[in-house]
C-alpha atoms as a PDB file:
ATOM      1  CA  MET A   1      19.524 -14.702  21.925  1.00  0.00           C
ATOM      2  CA  MET A   2      17.336 -14.351  18.810  1.00  0.00           C
ATOM      3  CA  LYS A   3      19.124 -14.048  15.466  1.00  0.00           C
ATOM      4  CA  LYS A   4      19.057 -10.576  13.922  1.00  0.00           C
ATOM      5  CA  TYR A   5      17.170 -10.579  10.646  1.00  0.00           C
ATOM      6  CA  VAL A   6      16.436  -6.856  10.182  1.00  0.00           C
ATOM      7  CA  TYR A   7      18.909  -3.945   9.857  1.00  0.00           C
ATOM      8  CA  SER A   8      17.692  -0.348  10.035  1.00  0.00           C
ATOM      9  CA  PHE A   9      18.864   2.871   8.390  1.00  0.00           C
ATOM     10  CA  ILE A  10      17.295   5.972   9.866  1.00  0.00           C
ATOM     11  CA  ASN A  11      18.138   9.535  10.886  1.00  0.00           C
ATOM     12  CA  GLY A  12      21.770   9.421   9.728  1.00  0.00           C
ATOM     13  CA  THR A  13      22.560   6.107  11.431  1.00  0.00           C
ATOM     14  CA  ALA A  14      22.577   2.636   9.889  1.00  0.00           C
ATOM     15  CA  GLU A  15      23.154  -0.772  11.451  1.00  0.00           C
ATOM     16  CA  GLY A  16      24.819  -1.958   8.258  1.00  0.00           C
ATOM     17  CA  SER A  17      27.522  -0.782   5.843  1.00  0.00           C
ATOM     18  CA  SER A  18      28.807  -1.394   2.310  1.00  0.00           C
ATOM     19  CA  ALA A  19      30.980  -4.192   3.724  1.00  0.00           C
ATOM     20  CA  MET A  20      27.826  -6.248   4.416  1.00  0.00           C
ATOM     21  CA  ASN A  21      26.861  -6.850   0.777  1.00  0.00           C
ATOM     22  CA  ASN A  22      26.390 -10.613   1.217  1.00  0.00           C
ATOM     23  CA  LEU A  23      23.978 -10.210   4.140  1.00  0.00           C
ATOM     24  CA  LEU A  24      22.131  -7.033   3.102  1.00  0.00           C
ATOM     25  CA  GLY A  25      22.331  -7.364  -0.675  1.00  0.00           C
ATOM     26  CA  GLY A  26      23.671  -4.610  -2.946  1.00  0.00           C
ATOM     27  CA  LYS A  27      20.841  -2.138  -2.348  1.00  0.00           C
ATOM     28  CA  GLY A  28      20.656  -2.692   1.410  1.00  0.00           C
ATOM     29  CA  ALA A  29      24.406  -2.373   1.921  1.00  0.00           C
ATOM     30  CA  ASN A  30      24.585   0.838  -0.080  1.00  0.00           C
ATOM     31  CA  LEU A  31      21.479   2.362   1.511  1.00  0.00           C
ATOM     32  CA  ALA A  32      23.218   1.785   4.841  1.00  0.00           C
ATOM     33  CA  GLU A  33      26.464   3.302   3.535  1.00  0.00           C
ATOM     34  CA  MET A  34      24.709   6.408   2.173  1.00  0.00           C
ATOM     35  CA  THR A  35      22.848   6.843   5.462  1.00  0.00           C
ATOM     36  CA  ASN A  36      26.139   6.695   7.391  1.00  0.00           C
ATOM     37  CA  LEU A  37      27.559   9.300   4.971  1.00  0.00           C
ATOM     38  CA  SER A  38      24.675  11.653   5.940  1.00  0.00           C
ATOM     39  CA  ILE A  39      23.120  11.494   2.477  1.00  0.00           C
ATOM     40  CA  PRO A  40      19.363  12.111   2.955  1.00  0.00           C
ATOM     41  CA  VAL A  41      18.051   8.579   2.407  1.00  0.00           C
ATOM     42  CA  PRO A  42      14.380   7.910   3.241  1.00  0.00           C
ATOM     43  CA  PRO A  43      14.353   5.853   6.457  1.00  0.00           C
ATOM     44  CA  GLY A  44      13.812   2.129   6.271  1.00  0.00           C
ATOM     45  CA  PHE A  45      15.175  -1.316   6.991  1.00  0.00           C
ATOM     46  CA  THR A  46      16.579  -4.348   5.189  1.00  0.00           C
ATOM     47  CA  ILE A  47      15.494  -7.940   5.750  1.00  0.00           C
ATOM     48  CA  THR A  48      18.605 -10.071   5.264  1.00  0.00           C
ATOM     49  CA  THR A  49      19.413 -12.655   2.613  1.00  0.00           C
ATOM     50  CA  GLU A  50      19.485 -15.266   5.406  1.00  0.00           C
ATOM     51  CA  VAL A  51      15.714 -14.892   5.740  1.00  0.00           C
ATOM     52  CA  CYS A  52      15.329 -15.703   2.035  1.00  0.00           C
ATOM     53  CA  VAL A  53      17.510 -18.806   2.454  1.00  0.00           C
ATOM     54  CA  TYR A  54      15.378 -19.912   5.432  1.00  0.00           C
ATOM     55  CA  PHE A  55      12.203 -19.222   3.440  1.00  0.00           C
ATOM     56  CA  MET A  56      13.436 -21.324   0.514  1.00  0.00           C
ATOM     57  CA  GLN A  57      14.303 -24.221   2.831  1.00  0.00           C
ATOM     58  CA  HIS A  58      11.168 -24.157   5.016  1.00  0.00           C
ATOM     59  CA  ASN A  59       8.570 -22.289   2.897  1.00  0.00           C
ATOM     60  CA  LYS A  60       7.835 -19.965   5.817  1.00  0.00           C
ATOM     61  CA  PHE A  61       9.404 -17.001   7.623  1.00  0.00           C
ATOM     62  CA  PRO A  62      11.821 -17.684  10.501  1.00  0.00           C
ATOM     63  CA  PRO A  63      10.570 -17.292  14.087  1.00  0.00           C
ATOM     64  CA  GLY A  64      10.954 -13.738  15.370  1.00  0.00           C
ATOM     65  CA  LEU A  65      11.031 -12.037  11.956  1.00  0.00           C
ATOM     66  CA  LYS A  66       7.590 -10.456  12.242  1.00  0.00           C
ATOM     67  CA  LYS A  67       8.366  -9.079  15.688  1.00  0.00           C
ATOM     68  CA  GLN A  68      11.611  -7.495  14.413  1.00  0.00           C
ATOM     69  CA  VAL A  69       9.841  -5.979  11.376  1.00  0.00           C
ATOM     70  CA  LEU A  70       7.114  -4.522  13.609  1.00  0.00           C
ATOM     71  CA  ALA A  71       9.763  -2.939  15.867  1.00  0.00           C
ATOM     72  CA  GLU A  72      11.418  -1.275  12.846  1.00  0.00           C
ATOM     73  CA  ILE A  73       8.085   0.021  11.552  1.00  0.00           C
ATOM     74  CA  GLN A  74       7.421   1.607  14.943  1.00  0.00           C
ATOM     75  CA  LYS A  75      10.831   3.347  14.816  1.00  0.00           C
ATOM     76  CA  ILE A  76      10.007   4.825  11.395  1.00  0.00           C
ATOM     77  CA  GLU A  77       6.538   5.860  12.597  1.00  0.00           C
ATOM     78  CA  LEU A  78       8.099   7.827  15.451  1.00  0.00           C
ATOM     79  CA  TYR A  79      10.698   9.428  13.180  1.00  0.00           C
ATOM     80  CA  MET A  80       8.219  10.346  10.411  1.00  0.00           C
ATOM     81  CA  ASN A  81       5.407  11.257  12.832  1.00  0.00           C
ATOM     82  CA  LYS A  82       3.052   9.061  10.785  1.00  0.00           C
ATOM     83  CA  LYS A  83       1.482   5.672  11.402  1.00  0.00           C
ATOM     84  CA  PHE A  84       1.339   2.685   9.068  1.00  0.00           C
ATOM     85  CA  GLY A  85      -2.304   1.897   8.319  1.00  0.00           C
ATOM     86  CA  ASP A  86      -3.608   4.988  10.125  1.00  0.00           C
ATOM     87  CA  SER A  87      -6.729   6.507   8.569  1.00  0.00           C
ATOM     88  CA  GLN A  88      -5.749  10.097   9.488  1.00  0.00           C
ATOM     89  CA  ASN A  89      -1.998  10.311   8.961  1.00  0.00           C
ATOM     90  CA  PRO A  90      -0.833   7.228   7.041  1.00  0.00           C
ATOM     91  CA  LEU A  91       2.762   6.119   6.543  1.00  0.00           C
ATOM     92  CA  LEU A  92       3.396   4.408   3.200  1.00  0.00           C
ATOM     93  CA  PHE A  93       6.238   2.091   2.207  1.00  0.00           C
ATOM     94  CA  SER A  94       8.119   0.989  -0.883  1.00  0.00           C
ATOM     95  CA  VAL A  95       9.321  -2.622  -1.143  1.00  0.00           C
ATOM     96  CA  ARG A  96      12.294  -3.630  -3.308  1.00  0.00           C
ATOM     97  CA  SER A  97      14.352  -6.759  -3.811  1.00  0.00           C
ATOM     98  CA  GLY A  98      18.135  -6.563  -3.522  1.00  0.00           C
ATOM     99  CA  ALA A  99      20.429  -9.537  -4.107  1.00  0.00           C
ATOM    100  CA  ARG A 100      24.197  -9.272  -3.641  1.00  0.00           C
ATOM    101  CA  GLN A 101      24.452  -9.251  -7.463  1.00  0.00           C
ATOM    102  CA  SER A 102      21.840  -7.613  -9.676  1.00  0.00           C
ATOM    103  CA  MET A 103      20.010  -9.995 -11.987  1.00  0.00           C
ATOM    104  CA  PRO A 104      17.031  -9.998 -14.369  1.00  0.00           C
ATOM    105  CA  GLY A 105      13.866 -11.692 -13.201  1.00  0.00           C
ATOM    106  CA  MET A 106      14.007 -10.366  -9.647  1.00  0.00           C
ATOM    107  CA  MET A 107      10.935  -8.674  -8.231  1.00  0.00           C
ATOM    108  CA  GLU A 108      10.159  -5.182  -9.440  1.00  0.00           C
ATOM    109  CA  THR A 109       9.493  -2.403  -6.961  1.00  0.00           C
ATOM    110  CA  VAL A 110       6.081  -2.008  -5.323  1.00  0.00           C
ATOM    111  CA  LEU A 111       5.311   1.565  -4.227  1.00  0.00           C
ATOM    112  CA  ASN A 112       2.689   3.108  -1.938  1.00  0.00           C
ATOM    113  CA  ILE A 113       2.164   0.039   0.266  1.00  0.00           C
ATOM    114  CA  GLY A 114      -0.393   1.019   2.912  1.00  0.00           C
ATOM    115  CA  LEU A 115      -2.859   2.844   0.672  1.00  0.00           C
ATOM    116  CA  ASN A 116      -6.443   1.637   0.766  1.00  0.00           C
ATOM    117  CA  THR A 117      -9.908   3.194   0.696  1.00  0.00           C
ATOM    118  CA  GLU A 118      -9.602   4.461   4.288  1.00  0.00           C
ATOM    119  CA  THR A 119      -6.000   5.708   4.237  1.00  0.00           C
ATOM    120  CA  SER A 120      -6.613   7.405   0.876  1.00  0.00           C
ATOM    121  CA  ILE A 121      -9.262   9.602   2.499  1.00  0.00           C
ATOM    122  CA  GLY A 122      -6.861  10.416   5.358  1.00  0.00           C
ATOM    123  CA  LEU A 123      -4.044  11.256   2.960  1.00  0.00           C
ATOM    124  CA  ILE A 124      -6.341  13.547   0.957  1.00  0.00           C
ATOM    125  CA  LYS A 125      -7.212  15.437   4.150  1.00  0.00           C
ATOM    126  CA  LYS A 126      -3.525  15.606   5.077  1.00  0.00           C
ATOM    127  CA  THR A 127      -2.222  16.780   1.682  1.00  0.00           C
ATOM    128  CA  GLY A 128      -5.251  18.538   0.228  1.00  0.00           C
ATOM    129  CA  ASN A 129      -4.315  16.851  -3.047  1.00  0.00           C
ATOM    130  CA  PRO A 130      -6.831  14.173  -4.116  1.00  0.00           C
ATOM    131  CA  ARG A 131      -5.310  13.862  -7.608  1.00  0.00           C
ATOM    132  CA  PHE A 132      -1.962  12.852  -6.117  1.00  0.00           C
ATOM    133  CA  VAL A 133      -3.576  10.333  -3.745  1.00  0.00           C
ATOM    134  CA  TYR A 134      -5.709   8.547  -6.352  1.00  0.00           C
ATOM    135  CA  ASP A 135      -2.794   8.570  -8.804  1.00  0.00           C
ATOM    136  CA  SER A 136      -0.667   6.890  -6.112  1.00  0.00           C
ATOM    137  CA  PHE A 137      -3.440   4.389  -5.359  1.00  0.00           C
ATOM    138  CA  ARG A 138      -3.913   3.365  -9.002  1.00  0.00           C
ATOM    139  CA  ARG A 139      -0.130   2.876  -9.250  1.00  0.00           C
ATOM    140  CA  LEU A 140      -0.210   0.600  -6.181  1.00  0.00           C
ATOM    141  CA  LEU A 141      -3.093  -1.407  -7.647  1.00  0.00           C
ATOM    142  CA  MET A 142      -1.192  -1.884 -10.926  1.00  0.00           C
ATOM    143  CA  MET A 143       2.097  -2.830  -9.284  1.00  0.00           C
ATOM    144  CA  TYR A 144       0.611  -5.089  -6.619  1.00  0.00           C
ATOM    145  CA  ALA A 145      -1.598  -6.983  -9.070  1.00  0.00           C
ATOM    146  CA  ASP A 146       1.286  -7.408 -11.522  1.00  0.00           C
ATOM    147  CA  VAL A 147       4.180  -8.161  -9.204  1.00  0.00           C
ATOM    148  CA  VAL A 148       2.640  -9.742  -6.102  1.00  0.00           C
ATOM    149  CA  MET A 149      -0.596 -11.359  -7.261  1.00  0.00           C
ATOM    150  CA  GLU A 150       0.568 -12.505 -10.707  1.00  0.00           C
ATOM    151  CA  LYS A 151       4.327 -12.749 -11.280  1.00  0.00           C
ATOM    152  CA  SER A 152       5.321 -14.032  -7.831  1.00  0.00           C
ATOM    153  CA  ASN A 153       2.760 -16.831  -8.239  1.00  0.00           C
ATOM    154  CA  GLN A 154       4.083 -17.675 -11.713  1.00  0.00           C
ATOM    155  CA  LYS A 155       0.723 -16.793 -13.282  1.00  0.00           C
ATOM    156  CA  VAL A 156       2.103 -14.796 -16.208  1.00  0.00           C
ATOM    157  CA  ASN A 157       0.419 -15.819 -19.465  1.00  0.00           C
ATOM    158  CA  ILE A 158       2.772 -16.235 -22.427  1.00  0.00           C
ATOM    159  CA  ASN A 159       0.214 -14.672 -24.791  1.00  0.00           C
ATOM    160  CA  ASN A 160       0.796 -11.268 -23.170  1.00  0.00           C
ATOM    161  CA  SER A 161      -2.589 -11.054 -21.458  1.00  0.00           C
ATOM    162  CA  GLY A 162      -1.035 -10.339 -18.054  1.00  0.00           C
ATOM    163  CA  ILE A 163      -2.805  -8.043 -15.603  1.00  0.00           C
ATOM    164  CA  ARG A 164      -0.337  -5.188 -16.170  1.00  0.00           C
ATOM    165  CA  ILE A 165      -1.161  -5.096 -19.877  1.00  0.00           C
ATOM    166  CA  GLN A 166      -4.904  -5.293 -19.165  1.00  0.00           C
ATOM    167  CA  LEU A 167      -4.743  -2.399 -16.689  1.00  0.00           C
ATOM    168  CA  ASP A 168      -2.493  -0.364 -19.003  1.00  0.00           C
ATOM    169  CA  LYS A 169      -5.048  -0.767 -21.787  1.00  0.00           C
ATOM    170  CA  ILE A 170      -7.794   0.508 -19.495  1.00  0.00           C
ATOM    171  CA  LEU A 171      -5.611   3.470 -18.494  1.00  0.00           C
ATOM    172  CA  GLU A 172      -4.903   4.346 -22.144  1.00  0.00           C
ATOM    173  CA  LYS A 173      -8.604   4.073 -22.998  1.00  0.00           C
ATOM    174  CA  VAL A 174      -9.519   6.439 -20.146  1.00  0.00           C
ATOM    175  CA  LYS A 175      -6.823   8.912 -21.250  1.00  0.00           C
ATOM    176  CA  HIS A 176      -8.163   8.802 -24.819  1.00  0.00           C
ATOM    177  CA  GLU A 177     -11.747   9.334 -23.640  1.00  0.00           C
ATOM    178  CA  ASN A 178     -10.648  12.358 -21.603  1.00  0.00           C
ATOM    179  CA  ASN A 179      -8.358  13.796 -24.306  1.00  0.00           C
ATOM    180  CA  CYS A 180      -5.332  13.401 -22.015  1.00  0.00           C
ATOM    181  CA  LYS A 181      -1.856  12.897 -23.425  1.00  0.00           C
ATOM    182  CA  HIS A 182      -0.081  12.151 -20.098  1.00  0.00           C
ATOM    183  CA  ASP A 183      -1.083  10.241 -16.946  1.00  0.00           C
ATOM    184  CA  SER A 184      -0.613  13.482 -15.016  1.00  0.00           C
ATOM    185  CA  ASP A 185      -3.368  15.134 -17.087  1.00  0.00           C
ATOM    186  CA  LEU A 186      -6.072  12.927 -15.534  1.00  0.00           C
ATOM    187  CA  ASP A 187      -8.085  14.627 -12.794  1.00  0.00           C
ATOM    188  CA  ALA A 188      -8.873  13.269  -9.311  1.00  0.00           C
ATOM    189  CA  THR A 189     -12.423  12.125 -10.100  1.00  0.00           C
ATOM    190  CA  THR A 190     -11.286  10.170 -13.163  1.00  0.00           C
ATOM    191  CA  LEU A 191      -8.423   8.571 -11.212  1.00  0.00           C
ATOM    192  CA  GLN A 192     -10.789   7.602  -8.388  1.00  0.00           C
ATOM    193  CA  ARG A 193     -13.084   5.863 -10.898  1.00  0.00           C
ATOM    194  CA  LEU A 194     -10.013   4.218 -12.457  1.00  0.00           C
ATOM    195  CA  CYS A 195      -9.035   2.766  -9.056  1.00  0.00           C
ATOM    196  CA  HIS A 196     -12.537   1.286  -8.734  1.00  0.00           C
ATOM    197  CA  THR A 197     -12.285  -0.203 -12.241  1.00  0.00           C
ATOM    198  CA  PHE A 198      -8.827  -1.655 -11.502  1.00  0.00           C
ATOM    199  CA  LYS A 199     -10.148  -3.382  -8.367  1.00  0.00           C
ATOM    200  CA  GLY A 200     -12.913  -4.998 -10.426  1.00  0.00           C
ATOM    201  CA  GLU A 201     -10.412  -6.202 -13.049  1.00  0.00           C
ATOM    202  CA  ILE A 202      -8.194  -7.693 -10.339  1.00  0.00           C
ATOM    203  CA  ILE A 203     -11.119  -9.703  -8.934  1.00  0.00           C
ATOM    204  CA  LYS A 204     -12.030 -10.928 -12.438  1.00  0.00           C
ATOM    205  CA  LYS A 205      -8.432 -11.931 -13.204  1.00  0.00           C
ATOM    206  CA  PHE A 206      -7.499 -13.681  -9.955  1.00  0.00           C
ATOM    207  CA  ASN A 207     -10.836 -14.455  -8.319  1.00  0.00           C
ATOM    208  CA  ALA A 208      -9.365 -12.605  -5.335  1.00  0.00           C
ATOM    209  CA  SER A 209      -9.505  -9.012  -4.126  1.00  0.00           C
ATOM    210  CA  PHE A 210      -6.660  -6.551  -3.761  1.00  0.00           C
ATOM    211  CA  PRO A 211      -5.816  -6.685  -0.019  1.00  0.00           C
ATOM    212  CA  GLU A 212      -7.161  -3.580   1.710  1.00  0.00           C
ATOM    213  CA  THR A 213      -5.281  -4.258   4.978  1.00  0.00           C
ATOM    214  CA  PRO A 214      -1.866  -2.468   4.916  1.00  0.00           C
ATOM    215  CA  VAL A 215      -0.128  -5.203   6.935  1.00  0.00           C
ATOM    216  CA  ASP A 216      -1.346  -7.841   4.459  1.00  0.00           C
ATOM    217  CA  GLN A 217      -0.065  -5.706   1.579  1.00  0.00           C
ATOM    218  CA  LEU A 218       3.371  -5.452   3.208  1.00  0.00           C
ATOM    219  CA  TRP A 219       3.770  -9.151   3.958  1.00  0.00           C
ATOM    220  CA  GLY A 220       2.424 -10.032   0.524  1.00  0.00           C
ATOM    221  CA  ALA A 221       5.149  -7.883  -1.053  1.00  0.00           C
ATOM    222  CA  ILE A 222       7.882  -9.356   1.199  1.00  0.00           C
ATOM    223  CA  HIS A 223       6.704 -12.864   0.295  1.00  0.00           C
ATOM    224  CA  ALA A 224       6.793 -11.914  -3.403  1.00  0.00           C
ATOM    225  CA  VAL A 225      10.438 -10.782  -3.156  1.00  0.00           C
ATOM    226  CA  PHE A 226      11.494 -14.179  -1.828  1.00  0.00           C
ATOM    227  CA  GLN A 227       9.338 -15.993  -4.398  1.00  0.00           C
ATOM    228  CA  SER A 228      11.003 -13.993  -7.187  1.00  0.00           C
ATOM    229  CA  TRP A 229      14.407 -15.490  -6.290  1.00  0.00           C
ATOM    230  CA  ASN A 230      13.170 -18.759  -7.757  1.00  0.00           C
ATOM    231  CA  GLY A 231      11.415 -17.262 -10.780  1.00  0.00           C
ATOM    232  CA  LYS A 232      12.345 -18.824 -14.118  1.00  0.00           C
ATOM    233  CA  ARG A 233      14.234 -15.796 -15.502  1.00  0.00           C
ATOM    234  CA  ALA A 234      16.242 -15.420 -12.285  1.00  0.00           C
ATOM    235  CA  ILE A 235      17.144 -19.132 -12.237  1.00  0.00           C
ATOM    236  CA  ASP A 236      18.103 -19.127 -15.934  1.00  0.00           C
ATOM    237  CA  TYR A 237      20.305 -16.061 -15.453  1.00  0.00           C
ATOM    238  CA  ARG A 238      22.071 -17.618 -12.449  1.00  0.00           C
ATOM    239  CA  ASN A 239      22.709 -20.782 -14.447  1.00  0.00           C
ATOM    240  CA  ILE A 240      24.235 -18.772 -17.317  1.00  0.00           C
ATOM    241  CA  GLU A 241      26.371 -16.599 -15.015  1.00  0.00           C
ATOM    242  CA  ASN A 242      27.274 -19.398 -12.554  1.00  0.00           C
ATOM    243  CA  ILE A 243      25.716 -17.532  -9.631  1.00  0.00           C
ATOM    244  CA  PRO A 244      24.906 -19.852  -6.692  1.00  0.00           C
ATOM    245  CA  HIS A 245      21.210 -20.539  -6.177  1.00  0.00           C
ATOM    246  CA  THR A 246      21.834 -20.591  -2.412  1.00  0.00           C
ATOM    247  CA  TRP A 247      22.602 -16.885  -2.017  1.00  0.00           C
ATOM    248  CA  GLY A 248      19.060 -15.574  -1.688  1.00  0.00           C
ATOM    249  CA  THR A 249      17.933 -11.948  -1.851  1.00  0.00           C
ATOM    250  CA  ALA A 250      17.377  -9.241   0.731  1.00  0.00           C
ATOM    251  CA  VAL A 251      14.250  -7.059   0.978  1.00  0.00           C
ATOM    252  CA  ASN A 252      14.498  -3.276   1.296  1.00  0.00           C
ATOM    253  CA  ILE A 253      11.553  -1.451   2.869  1.00  0.00           C
ATOM    254  CA  GLN A 254      11.553   2.363   2.939  1.00  0.00           C
ATOM    255  CA  ALA A 255       9.222   5.191   3.831  1.00  0.00           C
ATOM    256  CA  MET A 256       7.708   6.587   0.642  1.00  0.00           C
ATOM    257  CA  VAL A 257       8.749   9.859  -0.906  1.00  0.00           C
ATOM    258  CA  PHE A 258       6.737  11.091  -3.862  1.00  0.00           C
ATOM    259  CA  GLY A 259       7.501  12.415  -7.316  1.00  0.00           C
ATOM    260  CA  ASN A 260       3.866  12.870  -8.309  1.00  0.00           C
ATOM    261  CA  MET A 261       2.657  15.530  -5.839  1.00  0.00           C
ATOM    262  CA  GLY A 262       2.622  18.298  -8.436  1.00  0.00           C
ATOM    263  CA  ASN A 263       5.077  20.422 -10.398  1.00  0.00           C
ATOM    264  CA  SER A 264       7.258  21.013  -7.329  1.00  0.00           C
ATOM    265  CA  SER A 265       8.095  17.291  -7.090  1.00  0.00           C
ATOM    266  CA  ALA A 266       9.932  14.980  -9.473  1.00  0.00           C
ATOM    267  CA  THR A 267      11.408  11.542  -9.943  1.00  0.00           C
ATOM    268  CA  GLY A 268      14.689  10.515 -11.532  1.00  0.00           C
ATOM    269  CA  VAL A 269      18.243   9.301 -11.087  1.00  0.00           C
ATOM    270  CA  VAL A 270      21.100  11.359  -9.685  1.00  0.00           C
ATOM    271  CA  PHE A 271      24.846  10.742  -9.303  1.00  0.00           C
ATOM    272  CA  THR A 272      27.366  12.550  -7.100  1.00  0.00           C
ATOM    273  CA  ARG A 273      29.777  12.476 -10.069  1.00  0.00           C
ATOM    274  CA  ASN A 274      29.376  12.530 -13.811  1.00  0.00           C
ATOM    275  CA  PRO A 275      29.233   8.785 -14.606  1.00  0.00           C
ATOM    276  CA  SER A 276      30.877   9.301 -18.013  1.00  0.00           C
ATOM    277  CA  THR A 277      33.776  11.598 -17.110  1.00  0.00           C
ATOM    278  CA  GLY A 278      34.162  11.170 -13.357  1.00  0.00           C
ATOM    279  CA  GLU A 279      33.882  14.933 -12.814  1.00  0.00           C
ATOM    280  CA  ARG A 280      32.910  15.735  -9.204  1.00  0.00           C
ATOM    281  CA  LYS A 281      29.642  17.407 -10.043  1.00  0.00           C
ATOM    282  CA  ILE A 282      26.016  16.441  -9.403  1.00  0.00           C
ATOM    283  CA  PHE A 283      24.650  14.746 -12.523  1.00  0.00           C
ATOM    284  CA  GLY A 284      21.158  13.402 -13.132  1.00  0.00           C
ATOM    285  CA  GLU A 285      17.959  13.252 -15.111  1.00  0.00           C
ATOM    286  CA  TRP A 286      14.444  13.789 -13.786  1.00  0.00           C
ATOM    287  CA  LEU A 287      10.813  14.262 -14.719  1.00  0.00           C
ATOM    288  CA  LYS A 288       8.507  16.556 -12.789  1.00  0.00           C
ATOM    289  CA  ASN A 289       5.228  15.288 -11.392  1.00  0.00           C
ATOM    290  CA  ALA A 290       6.063  11.725 -12.481  1.00  0.00           C
END
């Protein structure tokens, strides 16, 4: 029987629980727990820390992993009534790292995996909101170039000329040229041109293109999570805190929900209790259209 490497959480049922912190990492275990508590968690799945350990030992994914991931994607597609990589009704994913103990140096989140030139057009037709789509695409380009193409390959330049800074400078210049104070003030046409500019900068920086194929984007992000376990900051932190280097990290993949679809959407952090006083009252902070 093939070893189980992937644990789902979907439609109020999770294969994991908070007791499985070592296998699913902190995020994965708690996503499973919240799902089982009927908290409305976007559906997804966790790739276990054992896969990271295998990857570190063999520099490749274990046999059967890709088949298990594909099966979980198909479950989410059915539940969401969307299809990953589809040009008419695309499903997008977020990818996050999640070790059993939080530590600096681990991979940052990559959002909007699955967006490309084709799926962007489909999502515009579906939502009727081109500004939202091109804003999401430029965010993916920034995150993917920074986290997957640069940091996971240890290509960060110590003189602060990393791709994130370069792309941020371009964004600020475009905002200044258009008399825009906030990112959300940029219109769809300007954001579309910005995406084109970002792609050109990525090619110049890495001599490689941003991957247009959604499946390649996803596996690139998964690979980057495992690579980040052995990043310098993560290793240094484990040495200081006496955390074993053999633990590895899990990968959490979820269907995207959006905070930048207009003034009726938002992003933020929320607690089921006041974190300062313990009062049983919803507490949080958020920004609209962010």
